[in-house]
Protein backbone atom coordinates (compact mmCIF):
# COMPACT_ATOMS: atom_id res chain seq x y z
CA MET A 1 134.43 157.87 275.63
CA LYS A 2 134.34 161.07 277.17
CA LEU A 3 134.97 164.47 275.58
CA GLN A 4 135.75 167.81 277.28
CA VAL A 5 133.84 170.73 276.21
CA LEU A 6 134.95 174.66 276.66
CA MET A 7 131.72 176.35 277.13
CA ALA A 8 131.52 179.92 275.65
CA VAL A 9 128.15 180.58 277.38
CA ASN A 10 126.76 179.06 280.38
CA GLU A 11 122.91 178.23 279.38
CA GLY A 12 122.34 176.39 282.53
CA ILE A 13 123.17 173.10 280.96
CA CYS A 14 122.78 170.43 283.59
CA PRO A 15 124.06 167.16 283.67
CA GLY A 16 122.11 164.51 281.65
CA LYS A 17 120.67 167.07 278.81
CA ARG A 18 121.78 165.66 275.34
CA ILE A 19 124.35 167.77 273.82
CA ASP A 20 124.77 167.32 269.74
CA PHE A 21 128.36 167.74 268.19
CA GLU A 22 128.59 169.05 264.43
CA LEU A 23 132.10 169.46 262.43
CA ASP A 24 132.48 173.00 261.34
CA ASP A 25 134.31 173.15 258.17
CA LYS A 26 136.10 176.07 258.06
CA SER A 27 137.10 176.11 261.78
CA ARG A 28 137.71 172.16 261.39
CA LEU A 29 136.42 172.40 265.62
CA TYR A 30 133.45 170.44 266.69
CA ILE A 31 130.65 172.95 268.18
CA ALA A 32 128.29 171.59 270.88
CA SER A 33 124.77 172.44 271.28
CA CYS A 34 122.39 171.87 273.57
CA GLU A 35 118.81 172.18 272.30
CA GLY A 36 119.79 174.00 268.95
CA ARG A 37 121.44 176.46 270.39
CA ALA A 38 125.79 176.76 270.36
CA PHE A 39 127.45 177.07 273.72
CA GLY A 40 130.86 175.78 273.37
CA VAL A 41 133.89 173.73 271.56
CA ALA A 42 134.73 169.93 272.19
CA LYS A 43 138.32 170.65 273.85
CA LYS A 44 139.95 167.33 274.04
CA LEU A 45 139.37 163.57 274.35
CA LEU A 46 139.47 162.49 278.08
CA ALA A 47 138.93 159.03 277.49
CA GLY A 48 138.80 156.62 275.18
CA LYS A 49 140.90 156.10 271.27
CA ARG A 50 141.48 157.99 268.91
CA ARG A 51 140.67 156.13 266.20
CA SER A 52 136.91 155.54 267.42
CA PHE A 53 136.27 159.24 267.40
CA ARG A 54 137.60 159.42 264.07
CA LYS A 55 134.67 156.97 263.12
CA LEU A 56 131.78 159.04 265.02
CA GLY A 57 132.05 161.42 261.57
CA ASN A 58 131.13 164.46 261.58
CA SER A 59 127.79 165.26 263.88
CA PHE A 60 127.16 162.60 266.62
CA SER A 61 125.91 163.79 270.23
CA GLY A 62 126.45 162.56 273.58
CA VAL A 63 124.98 163.19 277.21
CA ALA A 64 126.15 166.17 280.06
CA VAL A 65 128.34 164.00 282.77
CA CYS A 66 129.37 166.81 285.08
CA VAL A 67 128.93 170.38 284.57
CA LYS A 68 131.10 172.97 286.12
CA PRO A 69 129.80 177.02 285.01
CA ASP A 70 132.44 178.30 287.16
CA LYS A 71 135.46 176.82 285.46
CA ARG A 72 133.22 176.74 281.77
CA ASP A 73 134.10 172.88 281.26
CA MET A 74 132.29 170.27 280.83
CA GLU A 75 132.91 166.23 280.48
CA VAL A 76 130.60 164.93 277.84
CA LYS A 77 129.92 161.05 277.79
CA VAL A 78 129.60 159.76 274.12
CA LEU A 79 127.95 156.11 273.40
CA ARG A 80 129.08 154.00 270.19
CA GLU A 81 127.78 151.31 269.21
CA ARG A 82 127.72 147.03 270.46
CA ARG A 83 130.59 146.20 268.50
CA ASN A 84 128.83 142.50 267.89
CA PRO A 85 124.91 143.01 268.12
CA TRP A 86 124.49 139.57 267.81
CA ASN A 87 126.50 138.65 270.87
CA PRO A 88 124.00 139.58 274.00
CA ARG A 89 126.61 139.63 276.51
CA CYS A 90 128.30 143.06 274.83
């Protein structure tokens, strides 16, 4: 699944970096951080189902795929676990 992230600060984040998300209880927003520094907010779900997004929980991580620093926009791909871990063809 893919998420669109609205960046408040461009701290030289390049594609391939790990992005961590954590749910803020007060604002009910997912805060994006890289290497311990918060830099943005998850804006919307680009690809994937809302149900599988809710199953991720309060904290999860993904990989930056596309970074547009001039538009302060980023796409993050979040990997899910396999559905059938006993089936090697999944």
